[in-house]
Amino acid sequence: MKKLLAIIILTQFASQAFAGRTDCPIAKVTNIQIEGVKVMYVQEGAPWRTLGYLNNNDGTKERYSALLAAQVSGRKVIVGYPIANYNCSVTNYGTSAYILRTHPN
């Protein structure tokens, strides 16, 4: 019974964590800027957003590498943020991305 309760609780937390994510629209990367340890980027038709901080061990370096590769190859990307109500159409200098996915043209 305790195992079942633990599984239900863990499943609830996992579904809430996933439900709290916002994926911004798919678009090509037009600009990338490193400001100290902060990585910022712009996609076509979107404002500046924060990819993450290079001094954190949270996957920012890997997302930055994928973002650079996508920009050089002209591929579109989708960037997701760990907040349910993240506004992709407003400049955001503080919230770090959670996921970056490349897409074919």
Protein backbone atom coordinates (compact mmCIF):
# COMPACT_ATOMS: atom_id res chain seq x y z
CA MET A 1 0.00 0.00 0.00
CA LYS A 2 2.84 2.40 0.84
CA LYS A 3 4.51 1.66 -2.50
CA LEU A 4 1.29 2.40 -4.36
CA LEU A 5 0.86 5.67 -2.48
CA ALA A 6 4.47 6.64 -3.23
CA ILE A 7 3.98 5.88 -6.94
CA ILE A 8 0.80 7.98 -7.05
CA ILE A 9 2.52 10.91 -5.34
CA LEU A 10 5.58 10.71 -7.63
CA THR A 11 3.37 10.50 -10.71
CA GLN A 12 1.45 13.56 -9.55
CA PHE A 13 4.66 15.57 -9.08
CA ALA A 14 6.01 14.44 -12.46
CA SER A 15 2.82 15.42 -14.28
CA GLN A 16 2.77 18.80 -12.54
CA ALA A 17 6.41 19.41 -13.48
CA PHE A 18 5.69 18.67 -17.15
CA ALA A 19 2.49 20.72 -17.14
CA GLY A 20 4.49 23.71 -15.93
CA ARG A 21 6.49 24.03 -19.13
CA THR A 22 6.03 26.54 -21.95
CA ASP A 23 7.46 25.88 -25.41
CA CYS A 24 8.10 29.02 -27.44
CA PRO A 25 7.33 29.03 -31.19
CA ILE A 26 9.63 27.25 -33.62
CA ALA A 27 11.91 29.70 -35.46
CA LYS A 28 15.47 30.25 -36.68
CA VAL A 29 18.04 31.82 -34.37
CA THR A 30 19.13 35.24 -35.62
CA ASN A 31 21.38 36.49 -32.79
CA ILE A 32 23.33 35.05 -29.88
CA GLN A 33 25.00 37.14 -27.19
CA ILE A 34 27.22 36.16 -24.28
CA GLU A 35 26.94 38.70 -21.47
CA GLY A 36 29.34 37.67 -18.71
CA VAL A 37 28.19 34.11 -18.06
CA LYS A 38 24.65 34.68 -19.38
CA VAL A 39 23.73 33.34 -22.84
CA MET A 40 21.02 35.37 -24.60
CA TYR A 41 19.47 34.71 -28.01
CA VAL A 42 16.90 36.02 -30.48
CA GLN A 43 14.72 33.97 -32.81
CA GLU A 44 12.99 35.34 -35.91
CA GLY A 45 9.99 37.39 -34.82
CA ALA A 46 10.81 37.13 -31.10
CA PRO A 47 12.51 39.32 -28.49
CA TRP A 48 15.71 38.60 -26.55
CA ARG A 49 15.43 35.65 -24.18
CA THR A 50 17.81 33.94 -21.76
CA LEU A 51 19.14 30.51 -22.66
CA GLY A 52 20.96 30.11 -19.34
CA TYR A 53 24.14 30.75 -17.39
CA LEU A 54 27.44 29.11 -18.35
CA ASN A 55 28.59 28.84 -14.73
CA ASN A 56 25.62 26.62 -13.80
CA ASN A 57 25.79 22.88 -14.24
CA ASP A 58 22.22 22.67 -15.61
CA GLY A 59 22.75 21.87 -19.29
CA THR A 60 23.23 25.46 -20.46
CA LYS A 61 26.56 24.64 -22.15
CA GLU A 62 24.94 21.80 -24.07
CA ARG A 63 21.93 23.93 -25.07
CA TYR A 64 24.31 26.71 -26.14
CA SER A 65 26.24 24.26 -28.34
CA ALA A 66 23.01 23.04 -29.97
CA LEU A 67 21.85 26.66 -30.45
CA LEU A 68 25.12 27.60 -32.18
CA ALA A 69 24.92 24.53 -34.44
CA ALA A 70 21.34 25.36 -35.35
CA GLN A 71 22.22 28.97 -36.16
CA VAL A 72 25.17 28.01 -38.35
CA SER A 73 23.16 25.38 -40.23
CA GLY A 74 20.06 27.57 -40.58
CA ARG A 75 17.85 25.09 -38.70
CA LYS A 76 14.85 26.11 -36.66
CA VAL A 77 14.70 25.49 -32.92
CA ILE A 78 12.07 25.29 -30.24
CA VAL A 79 13.07 26.47 -26.77
CA GLY A 80 11.06 25.52 -23.71
CA TYR A 81 10.94 27.20 -20.31
CA PRO A 82 10.06 25.55 -16.98
CA ILE A 83 7.19 27.95 -16.24
CA ALA A 84 3.58 27.35 -17.28
CA ASN A 85 2.81 31.01 -17.94
CA TYR A 86 6.13 32.04 -19.53
CA ASN A 87 5.47 34.80 -22.08
CA CYS A 88 7.54 34.09 -25.21
CA SER A 89 6.64 37.44 -26.81
CA VAL A 90 8.23 39.58 -24.06
CA THR A 91 11.95 40.17 -23.49
CA ASN A 92 13.12 38.07 -20.55
CA TYR A 93 16.59 38.50 -19.07
CA GLY A 94 16.16 36.24 -16.06
CA THR A 95 14.43 32.90 -16.70
CA SER A 96 16.70 30.17 -18.08
CA ALA A 97 15.52 27.73 -20.74
CA TYR A 98 14.82 24.12 -19.85
CA ILE A 99 14.90 22.42 -23.26
CA LEU A 100 16.12 23.14 -26.77
CA ARG A 101 15.08 21.03 -29.73
CA THR A 102 16.23 21.43 -33.34
CA HIS A 103 13.86 21.03 -36.27
CA PRO A 104 14.45 20.59 -40.00
CA ASN A 105 13.70 23.57 -42.21
